[in-house]
C-alpha atoms as a PDB file:
ATOM      1  CA  MET A   1      53.240 -34.039  22.514  1.00  0.00           C
ATOM      2  CA  LYS A   2      49.736 -35.219  22.873  1.00  0.00           C
ATOM      3  CA  LYS A   3      46.888 -34.285  20.135  1.00  0.00           C
ATOM      4  CA  ARG A   4      43.858 -32.784  21.158  1.00  0.00           C
ATOM      5  CA  SER A   5      40.681 -34.017  20.395  1.00  0.00           C
ATOM      6  CA  ASN A   6      37.885 -31.868  18.175  1.00  0.00           C
ATOM      7  CA  SER A   7      35.178 -33.767  19.871  1.00  0.00           C
ATOM      8  CA  GLY A   8      34.309 -30.877  22.256  1.00  0.00           C
ATOM      9  CA  LEU A   9      32.145 -27.625  21.875  1.00  0.00           C
ATOM     10  CA  ASN A  10      34.394 -24.612  20.187  1.00  0.00           C
ATOM     11  CA  ILE A  11      33.289 -21.329  20.670  1.00  0.00           C
ATOM     12  CA  ARG A  12      31.010 -20.891  17.606  1.00  0.00           C
ATOM     13  CA  GLN A  13      28.621 -23.789  18.889  1.00  0.00           C
ATOM     14  CA  ILE A  14      28.680 -22.588  22.756  1.00  0.00           C
ATOM     15  CA  MET A  15      27.583 -18.890  21.139  1.00  0.00           C
ATOM     16  CA  SER A  16      25.024 -20.017  18.974  1.00  0.00           C
ATOM     17  CA  VAL A  17      23.302 -22.072  21.773  1.00  0.00           C
ATOM     18  CA  PHE A  18      23.564 -18.650  23.621  1.00  0.00           C
ATOM     19  CA  ALA A  19      22.034 -16.942  20.901  1.00  0.00           C
ATOM     20  CA  LEU A  20      19.299 -19.197  20.537  1.00  0.00           C
ATOM     21  CA  VAL A  21      18.724 -18.899  24.562  1.00  0.00           C
ATOM     22  CA  LEU A  22      18.608 -14.627  24.080  1.00  0.00           C
ATOM     23  CA  GLY A  23      15.999 -15.134  21.115  1.00  0.00           C
ATOM     24  CA  ILE A  24      13.629 -17.275  23.679  1.00  0.00           C
ATOM     25  CA  LEU A  25      14.118 -14.444  26.339  1.00  0.00           C
ATOM     26  CA  PRO A  26      11.828 -11.813  24.676  1.00  0.00           C
ATOM     27  CA  LEU A  27       9.044 -14.227  24.097  1.00  0.00           C
ATOM     28  CA  ALA A  28       9.583 -15.531  27.500  1.00  0.00           C
ATOM     29  CA  LEU A  29       9.400 -11.883  29.107  1.00  0.00           C
ATOM     30  CA  ALA A  30       6.443 -10.689  26.866  1.00  0.00           C
ATOM     31  CA  GLY A  31       4.333 -11.807  30.110  1.00  0.00           C
ATOM     32  CA  LEU A  32       5.729  -8.056  31.638  1.00  0.00           C
ATOM     33  CA  LYS A  33       3.634  -4.655  31.356  1.00  0.00           C
ATOM     34  CA  VAL A  34       5.067  -2.626  28.448  1.00  0.00           C
ATOM     35  CA  VAL A  35       2.825   0.348  27.597  1.00  0.00           C
ATOM     36  CA  SER A  36       0.166   2.314  29.841  1.00  0.00           C
ATOM     37  CA  TYR A  37      -1.582   5.186  29.058  1.00  0.00           C
ATOM     38  CA  ASN A  38      -4.778   6.919  30.635  1.00  0.00           C
ATOM     39  CA  VAL A  39      -8.642   6.375  30.262  1.00  0.00           C
ATOM     40  CA  LEU A  40     -10.280   9.578  31.692  1.00  0.00           C
ATOM     41  CA  ILE A  41      -9.414   9.024  35.183  1.00  0.00           C
ATOM     42  CA  THR A  42      -7.822   5.328  35.618  1.00  0.00           C
ATOM     43  CA  THR A  43      -4.323   3.773  34.215  1.00  0.00           C
ATOM     44  CA  VAL A  44      -4.056   1.244  32.135  1.00  0.00           C
ATOM     45  CA  GLU A  45      -1.170  -1.381  31.591  1.00  0.00           C
ATOM     46  CA  VAL A  46      -0.823  -3.612  29.082  1.00  0.00           C
ATOM     47  CA  SER A  47       1.607  -6.522  28.581  1.00  0.00           C
ATOM     48  CA  GLY A  48       3.654  -7.784  25.764  1.00  0.00           C
ATOM     49  CA  PHE A  49       0.910 -10.520  25.085  1.00  0.00           C
ATOM     50  CA  ASP A  50      -1.645  -8.475  25.400  1.00  0.00           C
ATOM     51  CA  ALA A  51      -0.529  -5.912  23.229  1.00  0.00           C
ATOM     52  CA  ALA A  52       0.842  -9.019  20.475  1.00  0.00           C
ATOM     53  CA  PHE A  53      -2.046 -10.843  20.703  1.00  0.00           C
ATOM     54  CA  GLY A  54      -4.937  -8.426  21.616  1.00  0.00           C
ATOM     55  CA  ASN A  55      -7.503  -9.453  24.578  1.00  0.00           C
ATOM     56  CA  ASP A  56     -10.769  -8.244  25.616  1.00  0.00           C
ATOM     57  CA  ASN A  57     -10.345  -5.009  24.420  1.00  0.00           C
ATOM     58  CA  LEU A  58      -7.060  -4.712  21.928  1.00  0.00           C
ATOM     59  CA  ASP A  59      -7.315  -6.015  18.684  1.00  0.00           C
ATOM     60  CA  PRO A  60      -4.007  -8.155  17.679  1.00  0.00           C
ATOM     61  CA  ASN A  61      -0.893  -5.978  16.494  1.00  0.00           C
ATOM     62  CA  PHE A  62       0.844  -7.643  13.977  1.00  0.00           C
ATOM     63  CA  GLY A  63       3.897  -4.912  14.874  1.00  0.00           C
ATOM     64  CA  VAL A  64       4.211  -6.202  18.428  1.00  0.00           C
ATOM     65  CA  MET A  65       3.873  -9.608  17.435  1.00  0.00           C
ATOM     66  CA  LEU A  66       7.192  -9.280  14.991  1.00  0.00           C
ATOM     67  CA  ALA A  67       8.257  -7.529  17.772  1.00  0.00           C
ATOM     68  CA  TYR A  68       8.624 -10.791  20.445  1.00  0.00           C
ATOM     69  CA  LEU A  69       8.735 -13.649  17.468  1.00  0.00           C
ATOM     70  CA  LEU A  70      11.699 -12.416  15.363  1.00  0.00           C
ATOM     71  CA  PRO A  71      14.421 -12.799  18.471  1.00  0.00           C
ATOM     72  CA  LEU A  72      13.297 -16.214  17.869  1.00  0.00           C
ATOM     73  CA  ALA A  73      13.438 -16.240  14.252  1.00  0.00           C
ATOM     74  CA  GLY A  74      16.887 -15.054  15.036  1.00  0.00           C
ATOM     75  CA  GLY A  75      18.158 -17.708  17.641  1.00  0.00           C
ATOM     76  CA  ILE A  76      17.025 -20.265  14.892  1.00  0.00           C
ATOM     77  CA  LEU A  77      19.223 -18.383  12.353  1.00  0.00           C
ATOM     78  CA  ALA A  78      21.870 -18.667  14.254  1.00  0.00           C
ATOM     79  CA  LEU A  79      21.672 -22.253  15.434  1.00  0.00           C
ATOM     80  CA  LEU A  80      20.924 -22.787  11.331  1.00  0.00           C
ATOM     81  CA  SER A  81      24.533 -21.094  10.912  1.00  0.00           C
ATOM     82  CA  ASN A  82      26.198 -23.694  12.816  1.00  0.00           C
ATOM     83  CA  VAL A  83      25.219 -26.338  11.360  1.00  0.00           C
ATOM     84  CA  MET A  84      26.094 -25.133   8.007  1.00  0.00           C
ATOM     85  CA  GLY A  85      29.208 -24.765   8.930  1.00  0.00           C
ATOM     86  CA  LYS A  86      31.669 -22.056   9.354  1.00  0.00           C
ATOM     87  CA  GLY A  87      31.675 -20.755   6.117  1.00  0.00           C
ATOM     88  CA  ASN A  88      28.009 -19.911   6.336  1.00  0.00           C
ATOM     89  CA  ARG A  89      27.742 -16.334   6.378  1.00  0.00           C
ATOM     90  CA  LEU A  90      24.169 -16.038   5.327  1.00  0.00           C
ATOM     91  CA  PHE A  91      22.168 -17.414   8.216  1.00  0.00           C
ATOM     92  CA  ASN A  92      24.578 -15.126  10.471  1.00  0.00           C
ATOM     93  CA  ILE A  93      23.692 -12.201   8.268  1.00  0.00           C
ATOM     94  CA  LEU A  94      19.911 -12.681   8.344  1.00  0.00           C
ATOM     95  CA  SER A  95      20.265 -13.981  12.261  1.00  0.00           C
ATOM     96  CA  LEU A  96      21.747 -10.280  12.752  1.00  0.00           C
ATOM     97  CA  ALA A  97      19.313  -8.413  10.741  1.00  0.00           C
ATOM     98  CA  ALA A  98      16.232 -10.027  12.869  1.00  0.00           C
ATOM     99  CA  PHE A  99      17.685  -9.140  16.121  1.00  0.00           C
ATOM    100  CA  VAL A 100      18.409  -5.736  15.064  1.00  0.00           C
ATOM    101  CA  VAL A 101      15.136  -4.986  13.323  1.00  0.00           C
ATOM    102  CA  SER A 102      13.240  -6.858  16.900  1.00  0.00           C
ATOM    103  CA  ALA A 103      14.928  -4.427  18.872  1.00  0.00           C
ATOM    104  CA  ILE A 104      13.803  -1.483  16.686  1.00  0.00           C
ATOM    105  CA  MET A 105      10.361  -2.969  16.747  1.00  0.00           C
ATOM    106  CA  LEU A 106      10.712  -3.523  20.492  1.00  0.00           C
ATOM    107  CA  PHE A 107      11.034   0.248  21.662  1.00  0.00           C
ATOM    108  CA  MET A 108       8.237   1.320  19.097  1.00  0.00           C
ATOM    109  CA  ILE A 109       5.941  -0.378  21.066  1.00  0.00           C
ATOM    110  CA  PRO A 110       4.160   3.107  22.154  1.00  0.00           C
ATOM    111  CA  GLN A 111       3.901   3.988  18.898  1.00  0.00           C
ATOM    112  CA  PHE A 112       2.112   0.035  17.584  1.00  0.00           C
ATOM    113  CA  MET A 113      -0.264   0.449  20.416  1.00  0.00           C
ATOM    114  CA  ALA A 114      -1.213   4.533  19.931  1.00  0.00           C
ATOM    115  CA  TRP A 115      -2.448   3.016  16.494  1.00  0.00           C
ATOM    116  CA  ASN A 116      -3.940   0.006  17.778  1.00  0.00           C
ATOM    117  CA  ILE A 117      -6.345   1.531  20.450  1.00  0.00           C
ATOM    118  CA  GLY A 118      -8.500   4.372  17.572  1.00  0.00           C
ATOM    119  CA  ASP A 119      -8.735   7.553  17.026  1.00  0.00           C
ATOM    120  CA  SER A 120     -11.611   7.962  19.547  1.00  0.00           C
ATOM    121  CA  LEU A 121      -9.406   8.150  21.990  1.00  0.00           C
ATOM    122  CA  THR A 122      -6.571  10.589  23.248  1.00  0.00           C
ATOM    123  CA  PHE A 123      -3.927   9.324  25.384  1.00  0.00           C
ATOM    124  CA  GLU A 124       0.030   9.338  25.200  1.00  0.00           C
ATOM    125  CA  PRO A 125       1.429   5.961  25.742  1.00  0.00           C
ATOM    126  CA  LYS A 126       4.026   5.233  27.898  1.00  0.00           C
ATOM    127  CA  MET A 127       6.882   3.170  27.568  1.00  0.00           C
ATOM    128  CA  LEU A 128       6.779   0.365  30.814  1.00  0.00           C
ATOM    129  CA  ASN A 129      10.347  -1.704  32.224  1.00  0.00           C
ATOM    130  CA  GLY A 130       8.631  -4.713  30.131  1.00  0.00           C
ATOM    131  CA  VAL A 131      10.212  -3.684  26.902  1.00  0.00           C
ATOM    132  CA  ILE A 132      13.574  -2.556  28.269  1.00  0.00           C
ATOM    133  CA  PHE A 133      13.959  -6.055  29.669  1.00  0.00           C
ATOM    134  CA  ALA A 134      12.803  -7.471  26.473  1.00  0.00           C
ATOM    135  CA  ALA A 135      15.056  -5.962  24.326  1.00  0.00           C
ATOM    136  CA  ILE A 136      18.215  -6.118  26.752  1.00  0.00           C
ATOM    137  CA  PRO A 137      18.849  -9.915  25.270  1.00  0.00           C
ATOM    138  CA  THR A 138      17.279  -9.088  21.595  1.00  0.00           C
ATOM    139  CA  ILE A 139      20.604  -6.570  21.833  1.00  0.00           C
ATOM    140  CA  LEU A 140      22.974  -8.779  23.407  1.00  0.00           C
ATOM    141  CA  GLY A 141      21.863 -11.586  20.484  1.00  0.00           C
ATOM    142  CA  GLY A 142      22.939  -9.196  18.039  1.00  0.00           C
ATOM    143  CA  LEU A 143      26.000  -8.679  19.508  1.00  0.00           C
ATOM    144  CA  THR A 144      26.409 -12.281  19.872  1.00  0.00           C
ATOM    145  CA  GLN A 145      25.862 -12.161  15.681  1.00  0.00           C
ATOM    146  CA  VAL A 146      28.108  -9.314  15.474  1.00  0.00           C
ATOM    147  CA  PHE A 147      31.155 -11.989  17.011  1.00  0.00           C
ATOM    148  CA  LEU A 148      30.054 -14.705  15.207  1.00  0.00           C
ATOM    149  CA  LEU A 149      30.532 -13.211  12.125  1.00  0.00           C
ATOM    150  CA  ALA A 150      33.934 -11.391  13.116  1.00  0.00           C
ATOM    151  CA  THR A 151      34.982 -14.560  13.920  1.00  0.00           C
ATOM    152  CA  ASN A 152      33.577 -16.051  10.642  1.00  0.00           C
ATOM    153  CA  ASP A 153      36.445 -17.188   8.322  1.00  0.00           C
END
């Protein structure tokens, strides 16, 4: 019988790189519109970058920034867990926490934007498709971390 060489990629390495890609995607999708609100007779739509980093009419919002940057941190932590070895669970747990907290914060972007506009303007912010498109890879990144934690021996 022929011995197999261990020079190829294993499933843990592939899943770690996949988690990094899933961590980059929400930041790449931040250009999509995430919130809309009515001002007098017009409807204003705000992209993820404008909501996070501000524009002429909006101040930067730290909560929205975290919602988009935490998946990237989770992906980097997933890659670090692979580099540190098979028995190390700390980076996997931190990566899972980053993905879960980010997914929750992404769905809270309309509430973050309500604080950002100010008290002189009353409106009901509405969540747009950009939040959902950014949350899907974040949730999948969290599921990859659950898989890596379950297979960590």
